Amino acid sequence: MAKILVVDDAQFLRLRISKMLNQSGHDTLEAENGKRAIELYQSDHPDVVLMDVTMPEMDGLDALKHIRTFDANARVVMLTALGQESVVLEAIRAGAKDFVVKPFEASRVLSAINKIIG
């Protein structure tokens, strides 16, 4: 299937998402912030990135913009909390392919991944 980079500062959420994706046949990598996500993106070239917006060190929006500077075709899905609509619009303008609002259903995450990888 696909190699997916899961980026969130909450370890329990990274584990939950990775487990769900692994059970669906995907391979996963994990990063705890945007800075680490950029490093893993450059070294491991994932097919898709699931990226939280709010994180320490570097937030998801800045990481998205940085990744897009060296890979204009990066496929990034933003994970957002309720009430972050303005950030979602900025992320879409910056090149995010989709967004998932937390708390989310597993089917919504899988739907976003499947839509992107075809």
PDB file of N, CA and C in Angstrom:
ATOM      1  N   MET A   1       0.841  -1.185   0.000  1.00  0.00           N
ATOM      2  CA  MET A   1       0.000   0.000   0.000  1.00  0.00           C
ATOM      3  C   MET A   1       0.885   1.247   0.000  1.00  0.00           C
ATOM      4  N   ALA A   2       0.769   2.094   1.029  1.00  0.00           N
ATOM      5  CA  ALA A   2       1.507   3.356   1.043  1.00  0.00           C
ATOM      6  C   ALA A   2       2.360   3.473   2.296  1.00  0.00           C
ATOM      7  N   LYS A   3       3.424   4.281   2.169  1.00  0.00           N
ATOM      8  CA  LYS A   3       4.243   4.634   3.332  1.00  0.00           C
ATOM      9  C   LYS A   3       3.721   5.982   3.822  1.00  0.00           C
ATOM     10  N   ILE A   4       3.282   6.024   5.077  1.00  0.00           N
ATOM     11  CA  ILE A   4       2.629   7.208   5.619  1.00  0.00           C
ATOM     12  C   ILE A   4       3.381   7.717   6.842  1.00  0.00           C
ATOM     13  N   LEU A   5       3.683   9.009   6.822  1.00  0.00           N
ATOM     14  CA  LEU A   5       4.328   9.670   7.947  1.00  0.00           C
ATOM     15  C   LEU A   5       3.239  10.300   8.810  1.00  0.00           C
ATOM     16  N   VAL A   6       3.164   9.857  10.061  1.00  0.00           N
ATOM     17  CA  VAL A   6       2.173  10.354  11.020  1.00  0.00           C
ATOM     18  C   VAL A   6       2.878  11.348  11.939  1.00  0.00           C
ATOM     19  N   VAL A   7       2.397  12.594  11.940  1.00  0.00           N
ATOM     20  CA  VAL A   7       3.057  13.661  12.696  1.00  0.00           C
ATOM     21  C   VAL A   7       2.074  14.260  13.691  1.00  0.00           C
ATOM     22  N   ASP A   8       2.357  14.073  14.974  1.00  0.00           N
ATOM     23  CA  ASP A   8       1.526  14.640  16.041  1.00  0.00           C
ATOM     24  C   ASP A   8       2.356  14.642  17.313  1.00  0.00           C
ATOM     25  N   ASP A   9       2.202  15.674  18.123  1.00  0.00           N
ATOM     26  CA  ASP A   9       2.977  15.731  19.366  1.00  0.00           C
ATOM     27  C   ASP A   9       2.422  14.810  20.436  1.00  0.00           C
ATOM     28  N   ALA A  10       1.202  14.325  20.260  1.00  0.00           N
ATOM     29  CA  ALA A  10       0.594  13.404  21.222  1.00  0.00           C
ATOM     30  C   ALA A  10       0.944  11.965  20.821  1.00  0.00           C
ATOM     31  N   GLN A  11       1.783  11.327  21.632  1.00  0.00           N
ATOM     32  CA  GLN A  11       2.237   9.974  21.302  1.00  0.00           C
ATOM     33  C   GLN A  11       1.077   8.988  21.182  1.00  0.00           C
ATOM     34  N   PHE A  12       0.084   9.082  22.070  1.00  0.00           N
ATOM     35  CA  PHE A  12      -1.041   8.142  22.014  1.00  0.00           C
ATOM     36  C   PHE A  12      -1.781   8.254  20.682  1.00  0.00           C
ATOM     37  N   LEU A  13      -1.872   9.461  20.149  1.00  0.00           N
ATOM     38  CA  LEU A  13      -2.572   9.651  18.881  1.00  0.00           C
ATOM     39  C   LEU A  13      -1.746   9.105  17.720  1.00  0.00           C
ATOM     40  N   ARG A  14      -0.438   9.333  17.752  1.00  0.00           N
ATOM     41  CA  ARG A  14       0.428   8.747  16.719  1.00  0.00           C
ATOM     42  C   ARG A  14       0.303   7.230  16.717  1.00  0.00           C
ATOM     43  N   LEU A  15       0.329   6.636  17.909  1.00  0.00           N
ATOM     44  CA  LEU A  15       0.222   5.176  18.010  1.00  0.00           C
ATOM     45  C   LEU A  15      -1.134   4.683  17.508  1.00  0.00           C
ATOM     46  N   ARG A  16      -2.191   5.394  17.875  1.00  0.00           N
ATOM     47  CA  ARG A  16      -3.546   5.007  17.453  1.00  0.00           C
ATOM     48  C   ARG A  16      -3.674   5.063  15.931  1.00  0.00           C
ATOM     49  N   ILE A  17      -3.202   6.151  15.341  1.00  0.00           N
ATOM     50  CA  ILE A  17      -3.297   6.300  13.889  1.00  0.00           C
ATOM     51  C   ILE A  17      -2.404   5.280  13.188  1.00  0.00           C
ATOM     52  N   SER A  18      -1.181   5.102  13.683  1.00  0.00           N
ATOM     53  CA  SER A  18      -0.267   4.133  13.061  1.00  0.00           C
ATOM     54  C   SER A  18      -0.831   2.724  13.109  1.00  0.00           C
ATOM     55  N   LYS A  19      -1.401   2.349  14.238  1.00  0.00           N
ATOM     56  CA  LYS A  19      -1.996   1.013  14.364  1.00  0.00           C
ATOM     57  C   LYS A  19      -3.117   0.825  13.351  1.00  0.00           C
ATOM     58  N   MET A  20      -3.984   1.825  13.240  1.00  0.00           N
ATOM     59  CA  MET A  20      -5.101   1.760  12.297  1.00  0.00           C
ATOM     60  C   MET A  20      -4.582   1.630  10.861  1.00  0.00           C
ATOM     61  N   LEU A  21      -3.575   2.419  10.512  1.00  0.00           N
ATOM     62  CA  LEU A  21      -3.030   2.384   9.160  1.00  0.00           C
ATOM     63  C   LEU A  21      -2.307   1.068   8.887  1.00  0.00           C
ATOM     64  N   ASN A  22      -1.550   0.567   9.875  1.00  0.00           N
ATOM     65  CA  ASN A  22      -0.859  -0.717   9.725  1.00  0.00           C
ATOM     66  C   ASN A  22      -1.861  -1.848   9.501  1.00  0.00           C
ATOM     67  N   GLN A  23      -2.973  -1.815  10.241  1.00  0.00           N
ATOM     68  CA  GLN A  23      -3.993  -2.851  10.086  1.00  0.00           C
ATOM     69  C   GLN A  23      -4.658  -2.790   8.713  1.00  0.00           C
ATOM     70  N   SER A  24      -4.569  -1.624   8.071  1.00  0.00           N
ATOM     71  CA  SER A  24      -5.123  -1.460   6.726  1.00  0.00           C
ATOM     72  C   SER A  24      -4.091  -1.730   5.636  1.00  0.00           C
ATOM     73  N   GLY A  25      -2.902  -2.196   6.040  1.00  0.00           N
ATOM     74  CA  GLY A  25      -1.888  -2.588   5.074  1.00  0.00           C
ATOM     75  C   GLY A  25      -0.847  -1.538   4.749  1.00  0.00           C
ATOM     76  N   HIS A  26      -0.873  -0.400   5.411  1.00  0.00           N
ATOM     77  CA  HIS A  26       0.096   0.661   5.149  1.00  0.00           C
ATOM     78  C   HIS A  26       1.305   0.528   6.080  1.00  0.00           C
ATOM     79  N   ASP A  27       2.430   1.078   5.649  1.00  0.00           N
ATOM     80  CA  ASP A  27       3.616   1.202   6.494  1.00  0.00           C
ATOM     81  C   ASP A  27       3.605   2.606   7.079  1.00  0.00           C
ATOM     82  N   THR A  28       4.061   2.752   8.321  1.00  0.00           N
ATOM     83  CA  THR A  28       4.036   4.071   8.942  1.00  0.00           C
ATOM     84  C   THR A  28       5.377   4.453   9.541  1.00  0.00           C
ATOM     85  N   LEU A  29       5.596   5.754   9.579  1.00  0.00           N
ATOM     86  CA  LEU A  29       6.698   6.386  10.277  1.00  0.00           C
ATOM     87  C   LEU A  29       6.046   7.393  11.210  1.00  0.00           C
ATOM     88  N   GLU A  30       6.736   7.777  12.280  1.00  0.00           N
ATOM     89  CA  GLU A  30       6.157   8.728  13.222  1.00  0.00           C
ATOM     90  C   GLU A  30       7.128   9.858  13.545  1.00  0.00           C
ATOM     91  N   ALA A  31       6.566  11.050  13.692  1.00  0.00           N
ATOM     92  CA  ALA A  31       7.340  12.214  14.115  1.00  0.00           C
ATOM     93  C   ALA A  31       6.520  12.992  15.130  1.00  0.00           C
ATOM     94  N   GLU A  32       7.218  13.597  16.093  1.00  0.00           N
ATOM     95  CA  GLU A  32       6.539  14.293  17.189  1.00  0.00           C
ATOM     96  C   GLU A  32       6.392  15.797  16.967  1.00  0.00           C
ATOM     97  N   ASN A  33       6.996  16.313  15.895  1.00  0.00           N
ATOM     98  CA  ASN A  33       6.854  17.740  15.597  1.00  0.00           C
ATOM     99  C   ASN A  33       7.221  17.986  14.128  1.00  0.00           C
ATOM    100  N   GLY A  34       6.987  19.213  13.691  1.00  0.00           N
ATOM    101  CA  GLY A  34       7.241  19.546  12.299  1.00  0.00           C
ATOM    102  C   GLY A  34       8.691  19.442  11.886  1.00  0.00           C
ATOM    103  N   LYS A  35       9.580  19.793  12.774  1.00  0.00           N
ATOM    104  CA  LYS A  35      11.016  19.719  12.477  1.00  0.00           C
ATOM    105  C   LYS A  35      11.431  18.285  12.178  1.00  0.00           C
ATOM    106  N   ARG A  36      11.000  17.360  13.020  1.00  0.00           N
ATOM    107  CA  ARG A  36      11.322  15.942  12.819  1.00  0.00           C
ATOM    108  C   ARG A  36      10.622  15.412  11.567  1.00  0.00           C
ATOM    109  N   ALA A  37       9.419  15.906  11.292  1.00  0.00           N
ATOM    110  CA  ALA A  37       8.682  15.483  10.096  1.00  0.00           C
ATOM    111  C   ALA A  37       9.464  15.820   8.830  1.00  0.00           C
ATOM    112  N   ILE A  38      10.050  17.010   8.797  1.00  0.00           N
ATOM    113  CA  ILE A  38      10.843  17.411   7.637  1.00  0.00           C
ATOM    114  C   ILE A  38      12.039  16.478   7.466  1.00  0.00           C
ATOM    115  N   GLU A  39      12.722  16.172   8.577  1.00  0.00           N
ATOM    116  CA  GLU A  39      13.874  15.260   8.514  1.00  0.00           C
ATOM    117  C   GLU A  39      13.464  13.896   7.960  1.00  0.00           C
ATOM    118  N   LEU A  40      12.370  13.339   8.483  1.00  0.00           N
ATOM    119  CA  LEU A  40      11.918  12.022   8.026  1.00  0.00           C
ATOM    120  C   LEU A  40      11.412  12.065   6.593  1.00  0.00           C
ATOM    121  N   TYR A  41      10.781  13.164   6.222  1.00  0.00           N
ATOM    122  CA  TYR A  41      10.300  13.288   4.848  1.00  0.00           C
ATOM    123  C   TYR A  41      11.471  13.237   3.873  1.00  0.00           C
ATOM    124  N   GLN A  42      12.548  13.950   4.201  1.00  0.00           N
ATOM    125  CA  GLN A  42      13.713  13.984   3.328  1.00  0.00           C
ATOM    126  C   GLN A  42      14.451  12.653   3.280  1.00  0.00           C
ATOM    127  N   SER A  43      14.488  11.933   4.392  1.00  0.00           N
ATOM    128  CA  SER A  43      15.238  10.675   4.419  1.00  0.00           C
ATOM    129  C   SER A  43      14.429   9.470   3.952  1.00  0.00           C
ATOM    130  N   ASP A  44      13.122   9.474   4.211  1.00  0.00           N
ATOM    131  CA  ASP A  44      12.310   8.278   3.946  1.00  0.00           C
ATOM    132  C   ASP A  44      11.295   8.419   2.809  1.00  0.00           C
ATOM    133  N   HIS A  45      11.072   9.629   2.325  1.00  0.00           N
ATOM    134  CA  HIS A  45      10.195   9.879   1.183  1.00  0.00           C
ATOM    135  C   HIS A  45       8.833   9.178   1.292  1.00  0.00           C
ATOM    136  N   PRO A  46       8.036   9.516   2.308  1.00  0.00           N
ATOM    137  CA  PRO A  46       6.733   8.870   2.442  1.00  0.00           C
ATOM    138  C   PRO A  46       5.794   9.261   1.295  1.00  0.00           C
ATOM    139  N   ASP A  47       4.803   8.419   1.051  1.00  0.00           N
ATOM    140  CA  ASP A  47       3.808   8.688   0.012  1.00  0.00           C
ATOM    141  C   ASP A  47       2.810   9.753   0.465  1.00  0.00           C
ATOM    142  N   VAL A  48       2.499   9.739   1.756  1.00  0.00           N
ATOM    143  CA  VAL A  48       1.509  10.658   2.329  1.00  0.00           C
ATOM    144  C   VAL A  48       1.986  11.067   3.719  1.00  0.00           C
ATOM    145  N   VAL A  49       1.642  12.294   4.111  1.00  0.00           N
ATOM    146  CA  VAL A  49       1.913  12.776   5.462  1.00  0.00           C
ATOM    147  C   VAL A  49       0.588  13.148   6.106  1.00  0.00           C
ATOM    148  N   LEU A  50       0.345  12.635   7.311  1.00  0.00           N
ATOM    149  CA  LEU A  50      -0.775  13.072   8.148  1.00  0.00           C
ATOM    150  C   LEU A  50      -0.153  13.981   9.198  1.00  0.00           C
ATOM    151  N   MET A  51      -0.478  15.279   9.172  1.00  0.00           N
ATOM    152  CA  MET A  51       0.241  16.247   9.993  1.00  0.00           C
ATOM    153  C   MET A  51      -0.709  17.064  10.863  1.00  0.00           C
ATOM    154  N   ASP A  52      -0.450  17.008  12.165  1.00  0.00           N
ATOM    155  CA  ASP A  52      -1.180  17.848  13.108  1.00  0.00           C
ATOM    156  C   ASP A  52      -0.800  19.300  12.865  1.00  0.00           C
ATOM    157  N   VAL A  53      -1.701  20.217  13.178  1.00  0.00           N
ATOM    158  CA  VAL A  53      -1.415  21.632  13.004  1.00  0.00           C
ATOM    159  C   VAL A  53      -0.620  22.183  14.185  1.00  0.00           C
ATOM    160  N   THR A  54      -1.085  21.923  15.401  1.00  0.00           N
ATOM    161  CA  THR A  54      -0.492  22.533  16.589  1.00  0.00           C
ATOM    162  C   THR A  54       0.496  21.589  17.258  1.00  0.00           C
ATOM    163  N   MET A  55       1.794  21.962  17.195  1.00  0.00           N
ATOM    164  CA  MET A  55       2.855  21.158  17.801  1.00  0.00           C
ATOM    165  C   MET A  55       3.970  22.083  18.278  1.00  0.00           C
ATOM    166  N   PRO A  56       4.774  21.613  19.249  1.00  0.00           N
ATOM    167  CA  PRO A  56       5.933  22.409  19.680  1.00  0.00           C
ATOM    168  C   PRO A  56       7.055  22.360  18.638  1.00  0.00           C
ATOM    169  N   GLU A  57       8.038  23.193  18.807  1.00  0.00           N
ATOM    170  CA  GLU A  57       9.230  23.334  17.959  1.00  0.00           C
ATOM    171  C   GLU A  57       8.899  23.882  16.582  1.00  0.00           C
ATOM    172  N   MET A  58       8.055  23.185  15.824  1.00  0.00           N
ATOM    173  CA  MET A  58       7.601  23.684  14.526  1.00  0.00           C
ATOM    174  C   MET A  58       6.205  23.142  14.295  1.00  0.00           C
ATOM    175  N   ASP A  59       5.251  24.036  14.026  1.00  0.00           N
ATOM    176  CA  ASP A  59       3.878  23.572  13.826  1.00  0.00           C
ATOM    177  C   ASP A  59       3.713  22.963  12.435  1.00  0.00           C
ATOM    178  N   GLY A  60       2.562  22.338  12.247  1.00  0.00           N
ATOM    179  CA  GLY A  60       2.304  21.622  11.003  1.00  0.00           C
ATOM    180  C   GLY A  60       2.234  22.506   9.780  1.00  0.00           C
ATOM    181  N   LEU A  61       1.710  23.704   9.939  1.00  0.00           N
ATOM    182  CA  LEU A  61       1.603  24.613   8.804  1.00  0.00           C
ATOM    183  C   LEU A  61       2.986  25.027   8.300  1.00  0.00           C
ATOM    184  N   ASP A  62       3.888  25.364   9.222  1.00  0.00           N
ATOM    185  CA  ASP A  62       5.253  25.718   8.818  1.00  0.00           C
ATOM    186  C   ASP A  62       5.967  24.515   8.195  1.00  0.00           C
ATOM    187  N   ALA A  63       5.760  23.341   8.763  1.00  0.00           N
ATOM    188  CA  ALA A  63       6.383  22.131   8.210  1.00  0.00           C
ATOM    189  C   ALA A  63       5.844  21.844   6.805  1.00  0.00           C
ATOM    190  N   LEU A  64       4.550  22.008   6.609  1.00  0.00           N
ATOM    191  CA  LEU A  64       3.943  21.817   5.288  1.00  0.00           C
ATOM    192  C   LEU A  64       4.594  22.755   4.276  1.00  0.00           C
ATOM    193  N   LYS A  65       4.685  24.024   4.635  1.00  0.00           N
ATOM    194  CA  LYS A  65       5.281  25.009   3.718  1.00  0.00           C
ATOM    195  C   LYS A  65       6.733  24.646   3.403  1.00  0.00           C
ATOM    196  N   HIS A  66       7.478  24.202   4.409  1.00  0.00           N
ATOM    197  CA  HIS A  66       8.884  23.838   4.194  1.00  0.00           C
ATOM    198  C   HIS A  66       8.991  22.612   3.280  1.00  0.00           C
ATOM    199  N   ILE A  67       8.197  21.600   3.543  1.00  0.00           N
ATOM    200  CA  ILE A  67       8.220  20.383   2.715  1.00  0.00           C
ATOM    201  C   ILE A  67       7.892  20.730   1.262  1.00  0.00           C
ATOM    202  N   ARG A  68       6.926  21.605   1.063  1.00  0.00           N
ATOM    203  CA  ARG A  68       6.527  21.970  -0.302  1.00  0.00           C
ATOM    204  C   ARG A  68       7.614  22.761  -1.042  1.00  0.00           C
ATOM    205  N   THR A  69       8.566  23.356  -0.305  1.00  0.00           N
ATOM    206  CA  THR A  69       9.654  24.074  -0.991  1.00  0.00           C
ATOM    207  C   THR A  69      10.582  23.114  -1.722  1.00  0.00           C
ATOM    208  N   PHE A  70      10.732  21.894  -1.219  1.00  0.00           N
ATOM    209  CA  PHE A  70      11.599  20.934  -1.907  1.00  0.00           C
ATOM    210  C   PHE A  70      10.829  19.788  -2.546  1.00  0.00           C
ATOM    211  N   ASP A  71       9.528  19.694  -2.321  1.00  0.00           N
ATOM    212  CA  ASP A  71       8.693  18.713  -3.007  1.00  0.00           C
ATOM    213  C   ASP A  71       7.313  19.322  -3.250  1.00  0.00           C
ATOM    214  N   ALA A  72       7.166  19.927  -4.403  1.00  0.00           N
ATOM    215  CA  ALA A  72       5.903  20.596  -4.743  1.00  0.00           C
ATOM    216  C   ALA A  72       4.745  19.612  -4.873  1.00  0.00           C
ATOM    217  N   ASN A  73       5.058  18.328  -5.004  1.00  0.00           N
ATOM    218  CA  ASN A  73       4.017  17.309  -5.158  1.00  0.00           C
ATOM    219  C   ASN A  73       3.711  16.571  -3.855  1.00  0.00           C
ATOM    220  N   ALA A  74       4.230  17.061  -2.741  1.00  0.00           N
ATOM    221  CA  ALA A  74       3.999  16.405  -1.450  1.00  0.00           C
ATOM    222  C   ALA A  74       2.504  16.264  -1.186  1.00  0.00           C
ATOM    223  N   ARG A  75       2.140  15.098  -0.697  1.00  0.00           N
ATOM    224  CA  ARG A  75       0.729  14.819  -0.395  1.00  0.00           C
ATOM    225  C   ARG A  75       0.561  14.841   1.125  1.00  0.00           C
ATOM    226  N   VAL A  76       0.021  15.957   1.614  1.00  0.00           N
ATOM    227  CA  VAL A  76      -0.102  16.181   3.048  1.00  0.00           C
ATOM    228  C   VAL A  76      -1.570  16.363   3.412  1.00  0.00           C
ATOM    229  N   VAL A  77      -1.998  15.632   4.430  1.00  0.00           N
ATOM    230  CA  VAL A  77      -3.336  15.765   5.004  1.00  0.00           C
ATOM    231  C   VAL A  77      -3.158  16.370   6.387  1.00  0.00           C
ATOM    232  N   MET A  78      -3.814  17.473   6.641  1.00  0.00           N
ATOM    233  CA  MET A  78      -3.689  18.148   7.931  1.00  0.00           C
ATOM    234  C   MET A  78      -4.703  17.583   8.925  1.00  0.00           C
ATOM    235  N   LEU A  79      -4.251  17.403  10.165  1.00  0.00           N
ATOM    236  CA  LEU A  79      -5.117  16.997  11.268  1.00  0.00           C
ATOM    237  C   LEU A  79      -5.376  18.248  12.097  1.00  0.00           C
ATOM    238  N   THR A  80      -6.633  18.632  12.217  1.00  0.00           N
ATOM    239  CA  THR A  80      -6.960  19.877  12.905  1.00  0.00           C
ATOM    240  C   THR A  80      -7.990  19.657  13.993  1.00  0.00           C
ATOM    241  N   ALA A  81      -7.969  20.530  14.980  1.00  0.00           N
ATOM    242  CA  ALA A  81      -8.990  20.504  16.023  1.00  0.00           C
ATOM    243  C   ALA A  81     -10.173  21.344  15.573  1.00  0.00           C
ATOM    244  N   LEU A  82     -11.308  21.105  16.172  1.00  0.00           N
ATOM    245  CA  LEU A  82     -12.468  21.941  15.892  1.00  0.00           C
ATOM    246  C   LEU A  82     -12.111  23.390  16.188  1.00  0.00           C
ATOM    247  N   GLY A  83     -12.616  24.299  15.377  1.00  0.00           N
ATOM    248  CA  GLY A  83     -12.360  25.706  15.605  1.00  0.00           C
ATOM    249  C   GLY A  83     -11.120  26.241  14.925  1.00  0.00           C
ATOM    250  N   GLN A  84     -10.430  25.417  14.140  1.00  0.00           N
ATOM    251  CA  GLN A  84      -9.219  25.870  13.451  1.00  0.00           C
ATOM    252  C   GLN A  84      -9.469  26.077  11.960  1.00  0.00           C
ATOM    253  N   GLU A  85     -10.666  26.535  11.610  1.00  0.00           N
ATOM    254  CA  GLU A  85     -11.041  26.671  10.209  1.00  0.00           C
ATOM    255  C   GLU A  85     -10.119  27.607   9.435  1.00  0.00           C
ATOM    256  N   SER A  86      -9.686  28.710  10.051  1.00  0.00           N
ATOM    257  CA  SER A  86      -8.810  29.643   9.340  1.00  0.00           C
ATOM    258  C   SER A  86      -7.467  28.993   9.028  1.00  0.00           C
ATOM    259  N   VAL A  87      -6.990  28.152   9.932  1.00  0.00           N
ATOM    260  CA  VAL A  87      -5.722  27.448   9.697  1.00  0.00           C
ATOM    261  C   VAL A  87      -5.895  26.435   8.567  1.00  0.00           C
ATOM    262  N   VAL A  88      -7.051  25.787   8.520  1.00  0.00           N
ATOM    263  CA  VAL A  88      -7.325  24.818   7.458  1.00  0.00           C
ATOM    264  C   VAL A  88      -7.266  25.514   6.104  1.00  0.00           C
ATOM    265  N   LEU A  89      -7.891  26.672   5.991  1.00  0.00           N
ATOM    266  CA  LEU A  89      -7.871  27.400   4.720  1.00  0.00           C
ATOM    267  C   LEU A  89      -6.452  27.787   4.330  1.00  0.00           C
ATOM    268  N   GLU A  90      -5.669  28.230   5.294  1.00  0.00           N
ATOM    269  CA  GLU A  90      -4.274  28.579   5.009  1.00  0.00           C
ATOM    270  C   GLU A  90      -3.493  27.340   4.572  1.00  0.00           C
ATOM    271  N   ALA A  91      -3.754  26.203   5.209  1.00  0.00           N
ATOM    272  CA  ALA A  91      -3.066  24.961   4.853  1.00  0.00           C
ATOM    273  C   ALA A  91      -3.421  24.521   3.430  1.00  0.00           C
ATOM    274  N   ILE A  92      -4.679  24.637   3.066  1.00  0.00           N
ATOM    275  CA  ILE A  92      -5.101  24.270   1.711  1.00  0.00           C
ATOM    276  C   ILE A  92      -4.415  25.187   0.696  1.00  0.00           C
ATOM    277  N   ARG A  93      -4.366  26.474   0.999  1.00  0.00           N
ATOM    278  CA  ARG A  93      -3.669  27.422   0.105  1.00  0.00           C
ATOM    279  C   ARG A  93      -2.178  27.096   0.013  1.00  0.00           C
ATOM    280  N   ALA A  94      -1.609  26.567   1.092  1.00  0.00           N
ATOM    281  CA  ALA A  94      -0.184  26.229   1.113  1.00  0.00           C
ATOM    282  C   ALA A  94       0.106  24.875   0.461  1.00  0.00           C
ATOM    283  N   GLY A  95      -0.941  24.153   0.067  1.00  0.00           N
ATOM    284  CA  GLY A  95      -0.721  22.907  -0.662  1.00  0.00           C
ATOM    285  C   GLY A  95      -1.215  21.641  -0.005  1.00  0.00           C
ATOM    286  N   ALA A  96      -1.853  21.727   1.164  1.00  0.00           N
ATOM    287  CA  ALA A  96      -2.409  20.511   1.778  1.00  0.00           C
ATOM    288  C   ALA A  96      -3.474  19.934   0.849  1.00  0.00           C
ATOM    289  N   LYS A  97      -3.525  18.633   0.766  1.00  0.00           N
ATOM    290  CA  LYS A  97      -4.465  17.965  -0.131  1.00  0.00           C
ATOM    291  C   LYS A  97      -5.824  17.719   0.507  1.00  0.00           C
ATOM    292  N   ASP A  98      -5.864  17.672   1.840  1.00  0.00           N
ATOM    293  CA  ASP A  98      -7.113  17.399   2.546  1.00  0.00           C
ATOM    294  C   ASP A  98      -6.886  17.736   4.011  1.00  0.00           C
ATOM    295  N   PHE A  99      -7.945  17.645   4.787  1.00  0.00           N
ATOM    296  CA  PHE A  99      -7.824  17.826   6.229  1.00  0.00           C
ATOM    297  C   PHE A  99      -8.816  16.925   6.927  1.00  0.00           C
ATOM    298  N   VAL A 100      -8.468  16.534   8.152  1.00  0.00           N
ATOM    299  CA  VAL A 100      -9.315  15.688   8.985  1.00  0.00           C
ATOM    300  C   VAL A 100      -9.453  16.403  10.323  1.00  0.00           C
ATOM    301  N   VAL A 101     -10.696  16.557  10.779  1.00  0.00           N
ATOM    302  CA  VAL A 101     -10.949  17.246  12.043  1.00  0.00           C
ATOM    303  C   VAL A 101     -10.944  16.231  13.181  1.00  0.00           C
ATOM    304  N   LYS A 102     -10.177  16.564  14.246  1.00  0.00           N
ATOM    305  CA  LYS A 102     -10.137  15.725  15.450  1.00  0.00           C
ATOM    306  C   LYS A 102     -11.241  16.172  16.398  1.00  0.00           C
ATOM    307  N   PRO A 103     -11.850  15.274  17.134  1.00  0.00           N
ATOM    308  CA  PRO A 103     -11.686  13.811  17.072  1.00  0.00           C
ATOM    309  C   PRO A 103     -12.275  13.267  15.770  1.00  0.00           C
ATOM    310  N   PHE A 104     -11.701  12.203  15.273  1.00  0.00           N
ATOM    311  CA  PHE A 104     -12.096  11.679  13.967  1.00  0.00           C
ATOM    312  C   PHE A 104     -12.434  10.204  14.053  1.00  0.00           C
ATOM    313  N   GLU A 105     -13.152   9.759  13.060  1.00  0.00           N
ATOM    314  CA  GLU A 105     -13.434   8.341  12.882  1.00  0.00           C
ATOM    315  C   GLU A 105     -12.335   7.746  12.002  1.00  0.00           C
ATOM    316  N   ALA A 106     -11.985   6.504  12.250  1.00  0.00           N
ATOM    317  CA  ALA A 106     -10.957   5.842  11.450  1.00  0.00           C
ATOM    318  C   ALA A 106     -11.316   5.875   9.967  1.00  0.00           C
ATOM    319  N   SER A 107     -12.579   5.724   9.656  1.00  0.00           N
ATOM    320  CA  SER A 107     -13.007   5.700   8.256  1.00  0.00           C
ATOM    321  C   SER A 107     -12.703   7.018   7.552  1.00  0.00           C
ATOM    322  N   ARG A 108     -12.756   8.130   8.279  1.00  0.00           N
ATOM    323  CA  ARG A 108     -12.469   9.444   7.669  1.00  0.00           C
ATOM    324  C   ARG A 108     -10.987   9.549   7.307  1.00  0.00           C
ATOM    325  N   VAL A 109     -10.115   9.073   8.183  1.00  0.00           N
ATOM    326  CA  VAL A 109      -8.672   9.101   7.914  1.00  0.00           C
ATOM    327  C   VAL A 109      -8.360   8.199   6.718  1.00  0.00           C
ATOM    328  N   LEU A 110      -8.901   6.995   6.722  1.00  0.00           N
ATOM    329  CA  LEU A 110      -8.649   6.059   5.624  1.00  0.00           C
ATOM    330  C   LEU A 110      -9.200   6.594   4.297  1.00  0.00           C
ATOM    331  N   SER A 111     -10.342   7.244   4.347  1.00  0.00           N
ATOM    332  CA  SER A 111     -10.923   7.841   3.153  1.00  0.00           C
ATOM    333  C   SER A 111     -10.004   8.918   2.571  1.00  0.00           C
ATOM    334  N   ALA A 112      -9.447   9.761   3.443  1.00  0.00           N
ATOM    335  CA  ALA A 112      -8.534  10.806   2.976  1.00  0.00           C
ATOM    336  C   ALA A 112      -7.288  10.199   2.342  1.00  0.00           C
ATOM    337  N   ILE A 113      -6.740   9.161   2.976  1.00  0.00           N
ATOM    338  CA  ILE A 113      -5.545   8.488   2.438  1.00  0.00           C
ATOM    339  C   ILE A 113      -5.852   7.863   1.095  1.00  0.00           C
ATOM    340  N   ASN A 114      -6.946   7.122   1.025  1.00  0.00           N
ATOM    341  CA  ASN A 114      -7.306   6.426  -0.217  1.00  0.00           C
ATOM    342  C   ASN A 114      -7.579   7.388  -1.358  1.00  0.00           C
ATOM    343  N   LYS A 115      -8.182   8.521  -1.051  1.00  0.00           N
ATOM    344  CA  LYS A 115      -8.461   9.527  -2.072  1.00  0.00           C
ATOM    345  C   LYS A 115      -7.158  10.063  -2.664  1.00  0.00           C
ATOM    346  N   ILE A 116      -6.160  10.246  -1.812  1.00  0.00           N
ATOM    347  CA  ILE A 116      -4.897  10.814  -2.265  1.00  0.00           C
ATOM    348  C   ILE A 116      -4.049   9.809  -3.041  1.00  0.00           C
ATOM    349  N   ILE A 117      -3.998   8.566  -2.559  1.00  0.00           N
ATOM    350  CA  ILE A 117      -3.134   7.584  -3.227  1.00  0.00           C
ATOM    351  C   ILE A 117      -3.836   6.896  -4.393  1.00  0.00           C
ATOM    352  N   GLY A 118      -5.147   7.128  -4.500  1.00  0.00           N
ATOM    353  CA  GLY A 118      -5.897   6.559  -5.628  1.00  0.00           C
ATOM    354  C   GLY A 118      -6.160   5.108  -5.429  1.00  0.00           C
TER     355      GLY A 118
END
